[in-house]
PDB file of N, CA and C in Angstrom:
ATOM      1  N   UNK A   1      73.487 135.044 118.018  1.00  0.00           N
ATOM      2  CA  UNK A   1      74.517 134.834 119.014  1.00  0.00           C
ATOM      3  C   UNK A   1      75.161 136.190 119.363  1.00  0.00           C
ATOM      4  N   UNK A   2      75.325 136.485 120.680  1.00  0.00           N
ATOM      5  CA  UNK A   2      75.917 137.775 121.052  1.00  0.00           C
ATOM      6  C   UNK A   2      77.396 137.849 120.657  1.00  0.00           C
ATOM      7  N   UNK A   3      77.820 139.069 120.380  1.00  0.00           N
ATOM      8  CA  UNK A   3      79.221 139.276 120.029  1.00  0.00           C
ATOM      9  C   UNK A   3      80.082 139.120 121.274  1.00  0.00           C
ATOM     10  N   UNK A   4      81.315 138.624 121.117  1.00  0.00           N
ATOM     11  CA  UNK A   4      82.185 138.513 122.287  1.00  0.00           C
ATOM     12  C   UNK A   4      82.530 139.895 122.848  1.00  0.00           C
ATOM     13  N   UNK A   5      82.670 139.958 124.151  1.00  0.00           N
ATOM     14  CA  UNK A   5      83.004 141.221 124.796  1.00  0.00           C
ATOM     15  C   UNK A   5      84.492 141.235 125.092  1.00  0.00           C
ATOM     16  N   UNK A   6      85.168 142.280 124.688  1.00  0.00           N
ATOM     17  CA  UNK A   6      86.592 142.424 124.924  1.00  0.00           C
ATOM     18  C   UNK A   6      86.834 143.442 126.031  1.00  0.00           C
ATOM     19  N   UNK A   7      87.886 143.245 126.785  1.00  0.00           N
ATOM     20  CA  UNK A   7      88.252 144.159 127.854  1.00  0.00           C
ATOM     21  C   UNK A   7      88.953 145.368 127.255  1.00  0.00           C
ATOM     22  N   UNK A   8      88.555 146.558 127.689  1.00  0.00           N
ATOM     23  CA  UNK A   8      89.248 147.771 127.259  1.00  0.00           C
ATOM     24  C   UNK A   8      90.494 147.942 128.128  1.00  0.00           C
ATOM     25  N   UNK A   9      91.412 148.762 127.683  1.00  0.00           N
ATOM     26  CA  UNK A   9      92.629 149.011 128.463  1.00  0.00           C
ATOM     27  C   UNK A   9      92.285 149.675 129.791  1.00  0.00           C
ATOM     28  N   UNK A  10      91.279 150.555 129.801  1.00  0.00           N
ATOM     29  CA  UNK A  10      90.869 151.214 131.037  1.00  0.00           C
ATOM     30  C   UNK A  10      90.330 150.197 132.043  1.00  0.00           C
ATOM     31  N   UNK A  11      89.518 149.244 131.563  1.00  0.00           N
ATOM     32  CA  UNK A  11      88.976 148.214 132.446  1.00  0.00           C
ATOM     33  C   UNK A  11      90.085 147.328 132.995  1.00  0.00           C
ATOM     34  N   UNK A  12      91.032 146.971 132.140  1.00  0.00           N
ATOM     35  CA  UNK A  12      92.154 146.143 132.568  1.00  0.00           C
ATOM     36  C   UNK A  12      92.977 146.866 133.629  1.00  0.00           C
ATOM     37  N   UNK A  13      93.241 148.140 133.410  1.00  0.00           N
ATOM     38  CA  UNK A  13      94.006 148.922 134.384  1.00  0.00           C
ATOM     39  C   UNK A  13      93.264 149.043 135.710  1.00  0.00           C
ATOM     40  N   UNK A  14      91.943 149.251 135.647  1.00  0.00           N
ATOM     41  CA  UNK A  14      91.143 149.367 136.861  1.00  0.00           C
ATOM     42  C   UNK A  14      91.156 148.051 137.641  1.00  0.00           C
ATOM     43  N   UNK A  15      91.001 146.931 136.939  1.00  0.00           N
ATOM     44  CA  UNK A  15      91.016 145.625 137.591  1.00  0.00           C
ATOM     45  C   UNK A  15      92.370 145.362 138.237  1.00  0.00           C
ATOM     46  N   UNK A  16      93.445 145.693 137.542  1.00  0.00           N
ATOM     47  CA  UNK A  16      94.778 145.507 138.099  1.00  0.00           C
ATOM     48  C   UNK A  16      94.961 146.361 139.357  1.00  0.00           C
ATOM     49  N   UNK A  17      94.456 147.583 139.335  1.00  0.00           N
ATOM     50  CA  UNK A  17      94.536 148.447 140.509  1.00  0.00           C
ATOM     51  C   UNK A  17      93.757 147.875 141.687  1.00  0.00           C
ATOM     52  N   UNK A  18      92.561 147.366 141.425  1.00  0.00           N
ATOM     53  CA  UNK A  18      91.760 146.756 142.486  1.00  0.00           C
ATOM     54  C   UNK A  18      92.475 145.544 143.066  1.00  0.00           C
ATOM     55  N   UNK A  19      93.105 144.760 142.200  1.00  0.00           N
ATOM     56  CA  UNK A  19      93.837 143.575 142.649  1.00  0.00           C
ATOM     57  C   UNK A  19      94.986 143.970 143.573  1.00  0.00           C
ATOM     58  N   UNK A  20      95.795 144.934 143.153  1.00  0.00           N
ATOM     59  CA  UNK A  20      96.950 145.335 143.962  1.00  0.00           C
ATOM     60  C   UNK A  20      96.546 146.105 145.215  1.00  0.00           C
ATOM     61  N   UNK A  21      95.326 146.665 145.229  1.00  0.00           N
ATOM     62  CA  UNK A  21      94.800 147.293 146.442  1.00  0.00           C
ATOM     63  C   UNK A  21      94.163 146.264 147.369  1.00  0.00           C
ATOM     64  N   UNK A  22      94.283 144.983 146.995  1.00  0.00           N
ATOM     65  CA  UNK A  22      93.826 143.836 147.784  1.00  0.00           C
ATOM     66  C   UNK A  22      92.306 143.802 147.992  1.00  0.00           C
ATOM     67  N   UNK A  23      91.551 144.174 146.970  1.00  0.00           N
ATOM     68  CA  UNK A  23      90.098 144.025 147.034  1.00  0.00           C
ATOM     69  C   UNK A  23      89.742 142.556 146.820  1.00  0.00           C
ATOM     70  N   UNK A  24      88.642 142.122 147.399  1.00  0.00           N
ATOM     71  CA  UNK A  24      88.182 140.751 147.223  1.00  0.00           C
ATOM     72  C   UNK A  24      87.564 140.589 145.837  1.00  0.00           C
ATOM     73  N   UNK A  25      87.410 139.344 145.425  1.00  0.00           N
ATOM     74  CA  UNK A  25      86.769 139.063 144.136  1.00  0.00           C
ATOM     75  C   UNK A  25      85.349 139.627 144.113  1.00  0.00           C
ATOM     76  N   UNK A  26      84.521 139.382 145.160  1.00  0.00           N
ATOM     77  CA  UNK A  26      83.172 139.949 145.114  1.00  0.00           C
ATOM     78  C   UNK A  26      83.162 141.476 145.006  1.00  0.00           C
ATOM     79  N   UNK A  27      84.110 142.129 145.691  1.00  0.00           N
ATOM     80  CA  UNK A  27      84.150 143.587 145.615  1.00  0.00           C
ATOM     81  C   UNK A  27      84.603 144.046 144.225  1.00  0.00           C
ATOM     82  N   UNK A  28      85.593 143.343 143.648  1.00  0.00           N
ATOM     83  CA  UNK A  28      86.028 143.681 142.287  1.00  0.00           C
ATOM     84  C   UNK A  28      84.860 143.566 141.314  1.00  0.00           C
ATOM     85  N   UNK A  29      84.092 142.494 141.449  1.00  0.00           N
ATOM     86  CA  UNK A  29      82.933 142.282 140.565  1.00  0.00           C
ATOM     87  C   UNK A  29      81.945 143.427 140.700  1.00  0.00           C
ATOM     88  N   UNK A  30      81.664 143.805 141.926  1.00  0.00           N
ATOM     89  CA  UNK A  30      80.698 144.874 142.171  1.00  0.00           C
ATOM     90  C   UNK A  30      81.196 146.201 141.602  1.00  0.00           C
ATOM     91  N   UNK A  31      82.467 146.528 141.828  1.00  0.00           N
ATOM     92  CA  UNK A  31      83.014 147.793 141.347  1.00  0.00           C
ATOM     93  C   UNK A  31      83.168 147.822 139.826  1.00  0.00           C
ATOM     94  N   UNK A  32      83.437 146.654 139.228  1.00  0.00           N
ATOM     95  CA  UNK A  32      83.619 146.586 137.776  1.00  0.00           C
ATOM     96  C   UNK A  32      82.284 146.408 137.045  1.00  0.00           C
ATOM     97  N   UNK A  33      81.253 145.938 137.775  1.00  0.00           N
ATOM     98  CA  UNK A  33      79.969 145.657 137.137  1.00  0.00           C
ATOM     99  C   UNK A  33      80.041 144.448 136.228  1.00  0.00           C
ATOM    100  N   UNK A  34      80.824 143.450 136.650  1.00  0.00           N
ATOM    101  CA  UNK A  34      81.034 142.245 135.844  1.00  0.00           C
ATOM    102  C   UNK A  34      80.812 141.017 136.695  1.00  0.00           C
ATOM    103  N   UNK A  35      80.691 139.873 136.025  1.00  0.00           N
ATOM    104  CA  UNK A  35      80.463 138.622 136.738  1.00  0.00           C
ATOM    105  C   UNK A  35      81.766 138.102 137.331  1.00  0.00           C
ATOM    106  N   UNK A  36      81.617 137.169 138.259  1.00  0.00           N
ATOM    107  CA  UNK A  36      82.780 136.552 138.898  1.00  0.00           C
ATOM    108  C   UNK A  36      83.641 135.843 137.854  1.00  0.00           C
ATOM    109  N   UNK A  37      83.011 135.135 136.920  1.00  0.00           N
ATOM    110  CA  UNK A  37      83.772 134.414 135.903  1.00  0.00           C
ATOM    111  C   UNK A  37      84.575 135.365 135.023  1.00  0.00           C
ATOM    112  N   UNK A  38      84.011 136.507 134.689  1.00  0.00           N
ATOM    113  CA  UNK A  38      84.732 137.480 133.870  1.00  0.00           C
ATOM    114  C   UNK A  38      85.969 137.992 134.606  1.00  0.00           C
ATOM    115  N   UNK A  39      85.789 138.339 135.888  1.00  0.00           N
ATOM    116  CA  UNK A  39      86.886 138.906 136.679  1.00  0.00           C
ATOM    117  C   UNK A  39      87.959 137.857 136.944  1.00  0.00           C
ATOM    118  N   UNK A  40      87.563 136.675 137.387  1.00  0.00           N
ATOM    119  CA  UNK A  40      88.530 135.621 137.699  1.00  0.00           C
ATOM    120  C   UNK A  40      89.268 135.191 136.430  1.00  0.00           C
ATOM    121  N   UNK A  41      88.551 135.074 135.323  1.00  0.00           N
ATOM    122  CA  UNK A  41      89.185 134.697 134.059  1.00  0.00           C
ATOM    123  C   UNK A  41      90.224 135.707 133.618  1.00  0.00           C
ATOM    124  N   UNK A  42      89.894 136.982 133.732  1.00  0.00           N
ATOM    125  CA  UNK A  42      90.844 138.026 133.322  1.00  0.00           C
ATOM    126  C   UNK A  42      92.056 138.042 134.239  1.00  0.00           C
ATOM    127  N   UNK A  43      91.841 137.908 135.550  1.00  0.00           N
ATOM    128  CA  UNK A  43      92.969 137.854 136.479  1.00  0.00           C
ATOM    129  C   UNK A  43      93.878 136.667 136.153  1.00  0.00           C
ATOM    130  N   UNK A  44      93.285 135.544 135.799  1.00  0.00           N
ATOM    131  CA  UNK A  44      94.063 134.353 135.433  1.00  0.00           C
ATOM    132  C   UNK A  44      94.887 134.618 134.168  1.00  0.00           C
ATOM    133  N   UNK A  45      94.260 135.228 133.165  1.00  0.00           N
ATOM    134  CA  UNK A  45      94.988 135.519 131.923  1.00  0.00           C
ATOM    135  C   UNK A  45      96.083 136.557 132.134  1.00  0.00           C
ATOM    136  N   UNK A  46      95.894 137.441 133.118  1.00  0.00           N
ATOM    137  CA  UNK A  46      96.914 138.444 133.437  1.00  0.00           C
ATOM    138  C   UNK A  46      97.983 137.860 134.376  1.00  0.00           C
ATOM    139  N   UNK A  47      97.797 136.592 134.766  1.00  0.00           N
ATOM    140  CA  UNK A  47      98.702 135.899 135.680  1.00  0.00           C
ATOM    141  C   UNK A  47      98.816 136.606 137.035  1.00  0.00           C
ATOM    142  N   UNK A  48      97.696 137.162 137.493  1.00  0.00           N
ATOM    143  CA  UNK A  48      97.624 137.793 138.810  1.00  0.00           C
ATOM    144  C   UNK A  48      96.870 136.852 139.729  1.00  0.00           C
ATOM    145  N   UNK A  49      97.562 136.343 140.719  1.00  0.00           N
ATOM    146  CA  UNK A  49      96.896 135.442 141.650  1.00  0.00           C
ATOM    147  C   UNK A  49      97.670 135.366 142.951  1.00  0.00           C
ATOM    148  N   UNK A  50      96.988 134.903 143.976  1.00  0.00           N
ATOM    149  CA  UNK A  50      97.661 134.584 145.214  1.00  0.00           C
ATOM    150  C   UNK A  50      97.614 135.619 146.321  1.00  0.00           C
ATOM    151  N   UNK A  51      97.319 136.871 146.023  1.00  0.00           N
ATOM    152  CA  UNK A  51      97.356 137.846 147.113  1.00  0.00           C
ATOM    153  C   UNK A  51      96.027 138.577 147.261  1.00  0.00           C
ATOM    154  N   UNK A  52      94.934 137.882 146.960  1.00  0.00           N
ATOM    155  CA  UNK A  52      93.621 138.491 147.139  1.00  0.00           C
ATOM    156  C   UNK A  52      92.955 137.910 148.376  1.00  0.00           C
ATOM    157  N   UNK A  53      92.026 138.652 148.951  1.00  0.00           N
ATOM    158  CA  UNK A  53      91.302 138.176 150.128  1.00  0.00           C
ATOM    159  C   UNK A  53      90.421 136.990 149.749  1.00  0.00           C
ATOM    160  N   UNK A  54      90.285 136.060 150.679  1.00  0.00           N
ATOM    161  CA  UNK A  54      89.340 134.979 150.475  1.00  0.00           C
ATOM    162  C   UNK A  54      87.936 135.512 150.702  1.00  0.00           C
ATOM    163  N   UNK A  55      86.946 134.739 150.302  1.00  0.00           N
ATOM    164  CA  UNK A  55      85.567 135.179 150.479  1.00  0.00           C
ATOM    165  C   UNK A  55      85.208 135.266 151.959  1.00  0.00           C
ATOM    166  N   UNK A  56      85.811 134.425 152.810  1.00  0.00           N
ATOM    167  CA  UNK A  56      85.526 134.482 154.243  1.00  0.00           C
ATOM    168  C   UNK A  56      86.055 135.795 154.814  1.00  0.00           C
ATOM    169  N   UNK A  57      87.305 136.169 154.449  1.00  0.00           N
ATOM    170  CA  UNK A  57      87.847 137.443 154.918  1.00  0.00           C
ATOM    171  C   UNK A  57      86.993 138.600 154.428  1.00  0.00           C
ATOM    172  N   UNK A  58      86.555 138.527 153.183  1.00  0.00           N
ATOM    173  CA  UNK A  58      85.760 139.594 152.595  1.00  0.00           C
ATOM    174  C   UNK A  58      84.442 139.774 153.339  1.00  0.00           C
ATOM    175  N   UNK A  59      83.867 138.666 153.798  1.00  0.00           N
ATOM    176  CA  UNK A  59      82.590 138.732 154.507  1.00  0.00           C
ATOM    177  C   UNK A  59      82.717 139.606 155.748  1.00  0.00           C
ATOM    178  N   UNK A  60      83.857 139.530 156.425  1.00  0.00           N
ATOM    179  CA  UNK A  60      84.047 140.304 157.642  1.00  0.00           C
ATOM    180  C   UNK A  60      84.616 141.691 157.374  1.00  0.00           C
ATOM    181  N   UNK A  61      85.415 141.831 156.322  1.00  0.00           N
ATOM    182  CA  UNK A  61      85.990 143.129 155.999  1.00  0.00           C
ATOM    183  C   UNK A  61      84.991 144.045 155.297  1.00  0.00           C
ATOM    184  N   UNK A  62      84.138 143.457 154.438  1.00  0.00           N
ATOM    185  CA  UNK A  62      83.211 144.241 153.618  1.00  0.00           C
ATOM    186  C   UNK A  62      81.806 143.641 153.681  1.00  0.00           C
ATOM    187  N   UNK A  63      81.178 143.591 154.854  1.00  0.00           N
ATOM    188  CA  UNK A  63      79.886 142.917 154.960  1.00  0.00           C
ATOM    189  C   UNK A  63      78.782 143.565 154.127  1.00  0.00           C
ATOM    190  N   UNK A  64      78.870 144.867 153.884  1.00  0.00           N
ATOM    191  CA  UNK A  64      77.825 145.533 153.114  1.00  0.00           C
ATOM    192  C   UNK A  64      77.932 145.250 151.621  1.00  0.00           C
ATOM    193  N   UNK A  65      79.053 144.688 151.156  1.00  0.00           N
ATOM    194  CA  UNK A  65      79.251 144.440 149.735  1.00  0.00           C
ATOM    195  C   UNK A  65      78.836 143.023 149.333  1.00  0.00           C
ATOM    196  N   UNK A  66      78.598 142.148 150.315  1.00  0.00           N
ATOM    197  CA  UNK A  66      78.322 140.751 150.009  1.00  0.00           C
ATOM    198  C   UNK A  66      76.953 140.375 150.566  1.00  0.00           C
ATOM    199  N   UNK A  67      76.084 139.883 149.691  1.00  0.00           N
ATOM    200  CA  UNK A  67      74.766 139.465 150.145  1.00  0.00           C
ATOM    201  C   UNK A  67      74.821 138.063 150.753  1.00  0.00           C
ATOM    202  N   UNK A  68      75.549 137.162 150.093  1.00  0.00           N
ATOM    203  CA  UNK A  68      75.595 135.776 150.543  1.00  0.00           C
ATOM    204  C   UNK A  68      76.916 135.166 150.098  1.00  0.00           C
ATOM    205  N   UNK A  69      77.571 134.474 151.004  1.00  0.00           N
ATOM    206  CA  UNK A  69      78.821 133.800 150.670  1.00  0.00           C
ATOM    207  C   UNK A  69      78.608 132.314 150.839  1.00  0.00           C
ATOM    208  N   UNK A  70      78.881 131.545 149.797  1.00  0.00           N
ATOM    209  CA  UNK A  70      78.749 130.098 149.856  1.00  0.00           C
ATOM    210  C   UNK A  70      80.106 129.505 149.509  1.00  0.00           C
ATOM    211  N   UNK A  71      80.696 128.804 150.467  1.00  0.00           N
ATOM    212  CA  UNK A  71      81.998 128.205 150.262  1.00  0.00           C
ATOM    213  C   UNK A  71      81.856 126.704 150.050  1.00  0.00           C
ATOM    214  N   UNK A  72      82.746 126.117 149.256  1.00  0.00           N
ATOM    215  CA  UNK A  72      82.690 124.662 149.071  1.00  0.00           C
ATOM    216  C   UNK A  72      83.125 123.957 150.347  1.00  0.00           C
ATOM    217  N   UNK A  73      82.711 122.700 150.537  1.00  0.00           N
ATOM    218  CA  UNK A  73      83.126 121.976 151.740  1.00  0.00           C
ATOM    219  C   UNK A  73      84.638 121.768 151.735  1.00  0.00           C
ATOM    220  N   UNK A  74      85.222 121.797 152.921  1.00  0.00           N
ATOM    221  CA  UNK A  74      86.670 121.605 153.043  1.00  0.00           C
ATOM    222  C   UNK A  74      87.008 120.134 153.186  1.00  0.00           C
ATOM    223  N   UNK A  75      88.143 119.762 152.642  1.00  0.00           N
ATOM    224  CA  UNK A  75      88.668 118.404 152.794  1.00  0.00           C
ATOM    225  C   UNK A  75      89.645 118.426 153.950  1.00  0.00           C
ATOM    226  N   UNK A  76      89.269 117.834 155.058  1.00  0.00           N
ATOM    227  CA  UNK A  76      90.101 117.863 156.257  1.00  0.00           C
ATOM    228  C   UNK A  76      90.984 116.641 156.386  1.00  0.00           C
ATOM    229  N   UNK A  77      91.077 115.825 155.356  1.00  0.00           N
ATOM    230  CA  UNK A  77      91.911 114.636 155.433  1.00  0.00           C
ATOM    231  C   UNK A  77      93.390 115.038 155.399  1.00  0.00           C
ATOM    232  N   UNK A  78      94.247 114.282 156.101  1.00  0.00           N
ATOM    233  CA  UNK A  78      95.685 114.633 156.108  1.00  0.00           C
ATOM    234  C   UNK A  78      96.299 114.412 154.730  1.00  0.00           C
ATOM    235  N   UNK A  79      97.284 115.225 154.418  1.00  0.00           N
ATOM    236  CA  UNK A  79      97.943 115.116 153.105  1.00  0.00           C
ATOM    237  C   UNK A  79      98.932 114.013 153.064  1.00  0.00           C
TER     238      UNK A  79
END
């Protein structure tokens, strides 16, 4: 079984900087060299959320960084 991977302080600082610079999740993953689950999980544990670009915005802002964007279907029913 592989050993668990821990985030270094440098990686945490870099991720926080990318977040506050408003990079998208796909771009953060690419720059950090980590999976989406690793990045999203760490952001959640750091309680950083709410001010990042959506994947749709990222597709138009950073088209060269994203190969394929797949979004879940939207629920258009009234609340």
